[in-house]
Protein backbone atom coordinates (compact mmCIF):
# COMPACT_ATOMS: atom_id res chain seq x y z
CA MET A 1 11.97 -30.36 -25.58
CA GLU A 2 10.46 -27.76 -23.25
CA THR A 3 7.25 -26.05 -24.28
CA ASP A 4 6.06 -22.53 -23.68
CA PRO A 5 3.39 -22.78 -20.95
CA ALA A 6 1.81 -19.55 -22.13
CA GLU A 7 1.03 -21.31 -25.40
CA ASP A 8 0.56 -24.94 -24.41
CA GLY A 9 -1.26 -24.36 -21.11
CA PRO A 10 -5.00 -23.83 -20.69
CA GLY A 11 -6.75 -21.00 -22.47
CA VAL A 12 -10.06 -19.19 -22.05
CA LEU A 13 -12.66 -18.50 -24.71
CA LEU A 14 -15.41 -15.95 -24.02
CA VAL A 15 -18.43 -16.14 -26.33
CA ASN A 16 -21.04 -13.41 -26.63
CA LEU A 17 -24.05 -13.19 -28.93
CA GLY A 18 -22.82 -10.93 -31.70
CA THR A 19 -23.14 -7.57 -33.37
CA PRO A 20 -23.02 -6.04 -36.85
CA ASP A 21 -19.75 -4.63 -38.12
CA ALA A 22 -21.30 -1.21 -38.75
CA PRO A 23 -24.62 0.57 -38.13
CA THR A 24 -25.63 0.30 -41.79
CA THR A 25 -28.41 -1.49 -43.60
CA ARG A 26 -25.96 -3.72 -45.48
CA ALA A 27 -24.14 -4.76 -42.30
CA LEU A 28 -27.42 -5.39 -40.49
CA ARG A 29 -28.75 -7.50 -43.34
CA ARG A 30 -25.63 -9.68 -43.20
CA TYR A 31 -25.73 -9.99 -39.43
CA LEU A 32 -29.47 -10.65 -39.17
CA ARG A 33 -29.31 -13.27 -41.91
CA GLU A 34 -26.75 -15.25 -39.91
CA PHE A 35 -28.62 -14.78 -36.64
CA LEU A 36 -32.10 -15.57 -37.95
CA THR A 37 -31.07 -18.68 -39.87
CA ASP A 38 -29.87 -20.38 -36.69
CA PRO A 39 -32.40 -23.17 -35.99
CA ARG A 40 -31.82 -22.63 -32.27
CA VAL A 41 -33.22 -19.12 -32.69
CA ILE A 42 -35.98 -19.75 -35.24
CA GLY A 43 -37.35 -23.27 -35.24
CA LEU A 44 -39.64 -22.95 -38.27
CA PRO A 45 -39.30 -25.16 -41.38
CA ARG A 46 -36.15 -24.04 -43.15
CA THR A 47 -37.37 -23.49 -46.72
CA ALA A 48 -40.51 -21.54 -45.84
CA TRP A 49 -38.67 -19.47 -43.25
CA ARG A 50 -35.81 -18.64 -45.62
CA ILE A 51 -38.24 -17.35 -48.24
CA LEU A 52 -40.03 -15.19 -45.67
CA LEU A 53 -36.72 -13.95 -44.26
CA GLU A 54 -35.26 -12.87 -47.60
CA SER A 55 -38.44 -11.44 -49.10
CA LEU A 56 -39.95 -9.61 -46.14
CA ILE A 57 -38.11 -9.63 -42.82
CA LEU A 58 -34.61 -8.60 -43.89
CA PRO A 59 -35.76 -5.79 -46.23
CA LEU A 60 -37.93 -4.32 -43.47
CA ARG A 61 -35.90 -5.06 -40.36
CA SER A 62 -32.38 -4.24 -41.61
CA PRO A 63 -32.81 -0.47 -42.14
CA ARG A 64 -34.86 -0.14 -38.95
CA SER A 65 -32.22 -1.97 -36.92
CA ALA A 66 -29.48 0.13 -38.53
CA ARG A 67 -31.15 3.33 -37.30
CA ARG A 68 -31.40 1.87 -33.80
CA TYR A 69 -27.71 0.96 -33.78
CA GLN A 70 -26.80 4.44 -35.01
CA SER A 71 -28.36 5.90 -31.87
CA ILE A 72 -25.97 3.99 -29.56
CA TRP A 73 -22.84 3.43 -31.70
CA LEU A 74 -19.60 4.37 -29.97
CA ASP A 75 -16.41 5.88 -31.38
CA ARG A 76 -14.75 2.48 -30.88
CA GLY A 77 -17.62 0.60 -32.51
CA SER A 78 -20.56 -1.48 -31.35
CA PRO A 79 -21.13 -1.21 -27.58
CA LEU A 80 -21.42 -4.99 -27.22
CA LEU A 81 -18.06 -5.54 -28.88
CA VAL A 82 -16.39 -2.67 -27.04
CA HIS A 83 -17.56 -3.79 -23.59
CA SER A 84 -16.87 -7.45 -24.34
CA GLU A 85 -13.33 -6.68 -25.50
CA ASP A 86 -12.72 -4.52 -22.41
CA LEU A 87 -13.95 -7.40 -20.29
CA ARG A 88 -11.65 -9.81 -22.11
CA GLY A 89 -8.65 -7.55 -21.57
CA LYS A 90 -9.26 -7.03 -17.86
CA LEU A 91 -10.00 -10.70 -17.34
CA ALA A 92 -6.71 -11.63 -19.01
CA GLN A 93 -4.90 -9.25 -16.66
CA ARG A 94 -6.71 -10.68 -13.66
CA LEU A 95 -5.90 -14.28 -14.61
CA HIS A 96 -2.25 -13.27 -15.08
CA ALA A 97 -2.10 -11.89 -11.55
CA GLY A 98 -1.04 -13.92 -8.54
CA GLY A 99 2.56 -14.59 -9.42
CA ARG A 100 2.10 -16.58 -12.61
CA ASP A 101 5.08 -16.53 -14.96
CA HIS A 102 2.87 -16.54 -18.06
CA PRO A 103 -0.56 -15.05 -18.84
CA ARG A 104 -3.59 -17.18 -19.51
CA PRO A 105 -4.55 -16.66 -23.15
CA VAL A 106 -8.07 -15.19 -23.26
CA ALA A 107 -9.86 -14.79 -26.59
CA LEU A 108 -13.23 -13.28 -27.43
CA ALA A 109 -15.66 -14.64 -30.00
CA MET A 110 -19.13 -13.74 -31.18
CA ARG A 111 -21.64 -16.43 -32.03
CA TYR A 112 -22.80 -14.29 -34.96
CA GLY A 113 -20.67 -11.74 -36.76
CA SER A 114 -17.09 -10.87 -35.88
CA PRO A 115 -14.81 -11.99 -34.35
CA SER A 116 -16.04 -15.48 -35.18
CA ILE A 117 -15.50 -18.51 -32.98
CA ALA A 118 -13.25 -20.00 -35.66
CA LYS A 119 -11.07 -16.87 -35.66
CA ALA A 120 -10.84 -16.84 -31.87
CA LEU A 121 -9.81 -20.51 -31.82
CA LYS A 122 -6.86 -19.67 -34.06
CA LYS A 123 -5.51 -17.45 -31.28
CA LEU A 124 -5.77 -20.40 -28.90
CA HIS A 125 -4.65 -23.11 -31.30
CA ARG A 126 -1.73 -24.29 -29.16
CA CYS A 127 -3.68 -24.50 -25.91
CA ARG A 128 -4.03 -28.07 -24.73
CA SER A 129 -7.30 -27.25 -22.94
CA LEU A 130 -9.95 -24.54 -23.01
CA VAL A 131 -12.44 -23.13 -20.55
CA VAL A 132 -15.33 -21.84 -22.67
CA VAL A 133 -17.56 -19.21 -21.09
CA PRO A 134 -20.70 -18.19 -22.99
CA LEU A 135 -21.54 -14.81 -21.50
CA TYR A 136 -25.13 -15.77 -20.69
CA PRO A 137 -25.70 -16.19 -16.94
CA GLN A 138 -29.04 -17.95 -17.46
CA TYR A 139 -28.99 -21.00 -19.73
CA SER A 140 -31.17 -21.07 -22.84
CA ALA A 141 -31.05 -23.28 -25.91
CA ALA A 142 -31.30 -20.15 -28.07
CA THR A 143 -28.10 -18.70 -26.62
CA THR A 144 -25.96 -21.12 -24.61
CA ALA A 145 -26.71 -24.22 -26.66
CA SER A 146 -26.25 -22.24 -29.86
CA ALA A 147 -22.82 -21.14 -28.64
CA PHE A 148 -21.96 -24.82 -28.13
CA ASP A 149 -23.18 -25.59 -31.65
CA GLY A 150 -20.96 -22.85 -33.05
CA LEU A 151 -17.99 -24.09 -31.06
CA ALA A 152 -18.49 -27.69 -32.18
CA ARG A 153 -18.74 -26.58 -35.81
CA ALA A 154 -15.55 -24.51 -35.56
CA LEU A 155 -13.66 -27.38 -33.90
CA THR A 156 -14.25 -29.57 -36.96
CA LYS A 157 -11.82 -27.29 -38.84
CA ILE A 158 -8.80 -27.67 -36.56
CA PRO A 159 -6.41 -30.65 -36.41
CA ARG A 160 -6.01 -30.95 -32.65
CA ILE A 161 -9.08 -30.77 -30.40
CA PRO A 162 -8.27 -29.39 -26.95
CA GLU A 163 -9.92 -30.64 -23.79
CA ILE A 164 -13.05 -28.52 -23.34
CA ARG A 165 -14.67 -27.36 -20.12
CA PHE A 166 -17.89 -25.60 -21.07
CA ILE A 167 -19.62 -23.37 -18.50
CA SER A 168 -23.26 -23.71 -19.49
CA GLY A 169 -24.57 -21.09 -17.09
CA TYR A 170 -23.75 -19.36 -13.83
CA SER A 171 -26.94 -17.67 -12.68
CA GLY A 172 -26.91 -19.61 -9.41
CA GLU A 173 -23.28 -18.87 -8.61
CA ALA A 174 -22.74 -16.70 -5.55
CA VAL A 175 -20.00 -14.67 -7.25
CA TYR A 176 -22.35 -13.63 -10.06
CA LEU A 177 -25.21 -12.81 -7.69
CA ASP A 178 -22.77 -10.84 -5.53
CA ALA A 179 -21.62 -8.85 -8.56
CA VAL A 180 -25.18 -7.89 -9.55
CA THR A 181 -26.12 -7.00 -5.97
CA GLN A 182 -22.97 -4.96 -5.37
CA THR A 183 -23.50 -3.02 -8.60
CA ILE A 184 -27.00 -2.02 -7.55
CA ARG A 185 -25.87 -1.08 -4.06
CA ARG A 186 -23.03 1.05 -5.42
CA ILE A 187 -25.37 3.03 -7.68
CA TRP A 188 -28.02 3.41 -5.01
CA GLY A 189 -25.41 4.45 -2.49
CA SER A 190 -24.29 7.37 -4.63
CA GLN A 191 -27.48 8.25 -6.54
CA GLY A 192 -30.31 7.17 -4.24
CA GLU A 193 -32.84 4.35 -4.29
CA PRO A 194 -35.89 4.31 -6.60
CA ASP A 195 -39.48 3.60 -5.71
CA PHE A 196 -39.36 0.42 -7.79
CA LEU A 197 -36.79 -1.94 -9.30
CA LEU A 198 -37.72 -3.87 -12.45
CA PHE A 199 -35.64 -6.88 -13.50
CA SER A 200 -35.90 -7.14 -17.29
CA PHE A 201 -34.64 -10.28 -19.03
CA HIS A 202 -34.53 -11.11 -22.72
CA GLY A 203 -37.75 -12.81 -23.73
CA LEU A 204 -38.26 -16.38 -24.89
CA PRO A 205 -41.16 -18.05 -26.72
CA LEU A 206 -43.47 -19.86 -24.31
CA GLU A 207 -43.11 -22.98 -26.41
CA SER A 208 -39.42 -23.16 -25.47
CA VAL A 209 -40.31 -23.28 -21.78
CA ARG A 210 -42.92 -25.96 -22.42
CA ARG A 211 -40.23 -28.04 -24.13
CA GLY A 212 -38.06 -27.89 -21.00
CA ASP A 213 -35.81 -24.85 -21.39
CA PRO A 214 -34.87 -23.80 -17.81
CA TYR A 215 -34.28 -20.16 -18.71
CA TYR A 216 -37.52 -18.76 -17.28
CA PHE A 217 -37.02 -20.33 -13.87
CA GLN A 218 -33.39 -19.27 -13.71
CA CYS A 219 -34.40 -15.67 -14.45
CA LEU A 220 -36.96 -15.73 -11.64
CA ALA A 221 -34.40 -17.22 -9.25
CA THR A 222 -31.83 -14.55 -10.15
CA ALA A 223 -34.23 -11.69 -9.51
CA GLU A 224 -35.60 -13.17 -6.29
CA THR A 225 -32.13 -13.80 -4.87
CA VAL A 226 -30.88 -10.30 -5.67
CA ALA A 227 -34.06 -8.70 -4.32
CA THR A 228 -33.68 -10.71 -1.12
CA ARG A 229 -30.07 -9.64 -0.73
CA LEU A 230 -31.17 -6.03 -1.18
CA ALA A 231 -33.91 -6.59 1.45
CA LEU A 232 -36.50 -5.21 -0.97
CA ASP A 233 -40.15 -5.32 -0.04
CA PRO A 234 -42.06 -7.58 -2.50
CA ASN A 235 -44.09 -4.56 -3.60
CA ARG A 236 -40.95 -2.75 -4.75
CA TRP A 237 -39.71 -5.13 -7.45
CA SER A 238 -40.87 -7.48 -10.20
CA VAL A 239 -39.69 -9.39 -13.29
CA SER A 240 -40.49 -8.75 -16.95
CA PHE A 241 -39.27 -9.87 -20.37
CA GLN A 242 -38.20 -7.79 -23.37
CA SER A 243 -37.13 -8.04 -27.02
CA ARG A 244 -40.12 -10.01 -28.29
CA PHE A 245 -39.94 -11.05 -31.94
CA GLY A 246 -42.63 -12.41 -34.25
CA ARG A 247 -46.22 -13.34 -33.50
CA ALA A 248 -45.74 -16.28 -31.14
CA GLN A 249 -46.57 -15.97 -27.45
CA TRP A 250 -43.52 -15.01 -25.44
CA LEU A 251 -42.87 -14.98 -21.72
CA PRO A 252 -45.06 -12.41 -19.96
CA PRO A 253 -45.20 -9.78 -18.73
CA TYR A 254 -43.60 -7.76 -21.51
CA THR A 255 -41.26 -5.09 -20.18
CA VAL A 256 -42.80 -2.18 -22.06
CA ASP A 257 -46.27 -3.12 -20.77
CA ARG A 258 -44.98 -3.38 -17.21
CA VAL A 259 -43.20 -0.04 -17.50
CA ARG A 260 -46.43 1.65 -18.63
CA GLU A 261 -48.38 -0.09 -15.90
CA LEU A 262 -45.98 1.14 -13.23
CA ALA A 263 -46.25 4.68 -14.60
CA GLY A 264 -50.03 4.43 -14.40
CA LEU A 265 -49.77 3.32 -10.78
CA GLY A 266 -47.97 6.55 -9.94
CA THR A 267 -44.40 5.28 -9.70
CA ARG A 268 -42.26 8.38 -9.22
CA SER A 269 -38.90 6.74 -9.88
CA LEU A 270 -38.15 3.49 -11.66
CA ASP A 271 -34.87 1.63 -12.04
CA VAL A 272 -34.54 -1.12 -14.65
CA ILE A 273 -31.72 -3.65 -14.57
CA CYS A 274 -31.06 -6.40 -17.13
CA PRO A 275 -29.00 -9.05 -15.29
CA GLY A 276 -29.22 -11.52 -18.16
CA PHE A 277 -26.98 -9.31 -20.32
CA ALA A 278 -23.31 -9.56 -19.38
CA CYS A 279 -22.45 -6.48 -21.47
CA ASP A 280 -24.50 -3.55 -22.65
CA CYS A 281 -25.87 -3.79 -26.17
CA LEU A 282 -28.73 -2.70 -28.40
CA GLU A 283 -31.32 -4.40 -26.20
CA THR A 284 -30.22 -2.51 -23.09
CA LEU A 285 -28.93 0.83 -24.36
CA GLU A 286 -31.60 1.45 -26.98
CA GLU A 287 -34.60 -0.71 -26.13
CA ILE A 288 -34.50 -0.09 -22.37
CA ALA A 289 -32.60 3.15 -21.80
CA ILE A 290 -34.25 4.99 -24.72
CA GLU A 291 -37.48 3.29 -25.85
CA ASN A 292 -38.75 2.12 -22.48
CA ALA A 293 -37.68 5.33 -20.78
CA GLN A 294 -39.81 7.23 -23.28
CA ALA A 295 -42.74 4.85 -22.78
CA PHE A 296 -42.53 5.38 -19.02
CA ARG A 297 -42.56 9.15 -19.31
CA GLU A 298 -45.34 9.19 -21.89
CA ALA A 299 -47.48 7.05 -19.59
CA GLY A 300 -47.09 9.60 -16.80
CA GLY A 301 -44.13 8.12 -14.94
CA GLY A 302 -41.46 10.12 -13.17
CA HIS A 303 -37.71 9.46 -13.16
CA PHE A 304 -36.48 6.49 -15.21
CA ARG A 305 -32.98 5.09 -14.73
CA TYR A 306 -31.35 2.19 -16.53
CA LEU A 307 -28.72 0.43 -14.39
CA PRO A 308 -25.81 -0.58 -16.66
CA ALA A 309 -24.76 -4.16 -17.24
CA LEU A 310 -21.74 -5.51 -15.39
CA ASN A 311 -19.56 -4.90 -18.48
CA ALA A 312 -15.88 -4.74 -17.50
CA ASP A 313 -16.53 -3.66 -13.91
CA THR A 314 -14.26 -5.11 -11.25
CA GLU A 315 -17.10 -7.15 -9.72
CA HIS A 316 -17.75 -8.83 -13.07
CA VAL A 317 -14.09 -9.56 -13.73
CA GLU A 318 -13.66 -11.07 -10.28
CA ALA A 319 -16.79 -13.20 -10.65
CA LEU A 320 -15.75 -14.66 -14.00
CA ALA A 321 -12.18 -15.14 -12.84
CA ALA A 322 -13.43 -17.17 -9.86
CA LEU A 323 -15.52 -19.41 -12.12
CA ILE A 324 -12.67 -19.90 -14.60
CA GLU A 325 -10.05 -20.60 -11.94
CA ARG A 326 -12.33 -23.20 -10.39
CA GLU A 327 -12.57 -24.95 -13.76
CA LEU A 328 -8.82 -24.71 -14.29
CA SER A 329 -8.09 -26.16 -10.87
CA ALA A 330 -10.34 -29.13 -11.69
CA GLN A 331 -8.30 -30.02 -14.77
CA PRO A 332 -5.76 -32.85 -14.43
């Protein structure tokens, strides 16, 4: 019996971090509970942490986070979900190009919230193999490894396990570095160059680096490679880390501190790019483009510009398509 290659051929699963279903306190409480009970994210003893989470953190953080989401919420929903879904759609079109008779099935999942990994797998249930792409260029246990955990857990619920090719990071891939560099050049070509370019990456507890997480070094390598490709003078760029949580020491320097420092040094124009975020989200659109922009101006800085994430831009689609097609060509 012949099979439908669109169903039985290889499929693609994109995994992003996650987002609440609505910018409300109730939705944020539900989302944050799932996120902050992941041992990859919070490594504290479970019982003590759960008590602290339910009694103090969720009651305080949920309404505050809801207000922050309200400031960036789009007509179509959460920016992270909107941009990720647009990326999924364009990537599916791109993988269908080139004379193929059938499209490559491409599904989107969120590690926390909706659509879940389990739900996305149902759309790919007849695929004999999967290329799984966590949308985190730089590997970290708190993101990439957690996505693998979620995938493994969801696979226990299905009867037939497909062959899995898991892309655990792509920060050193030329196609990704090209996409970031080209995006900056395009914006600078039409809107002008700033005095200074700040590469801001999501933070990580220092203890994670001490335990061997390669994330910090991959972030530094990403920034240095892009800065070199842009032929930037070393005095015109630097790296910082954002989104600190809790009282533990996190990777320095903190982005908001660096932004204020640059303002104090008389920086007339500052661009901030977040190349660790595949799609724009709360941490880029609110924390950087609103909060840090305000901090820069209040500290005496001049023009502040946030450079958008790659989102569903052509450069991003082409970069991911190249990585996926390489994995597909390696399959027997």
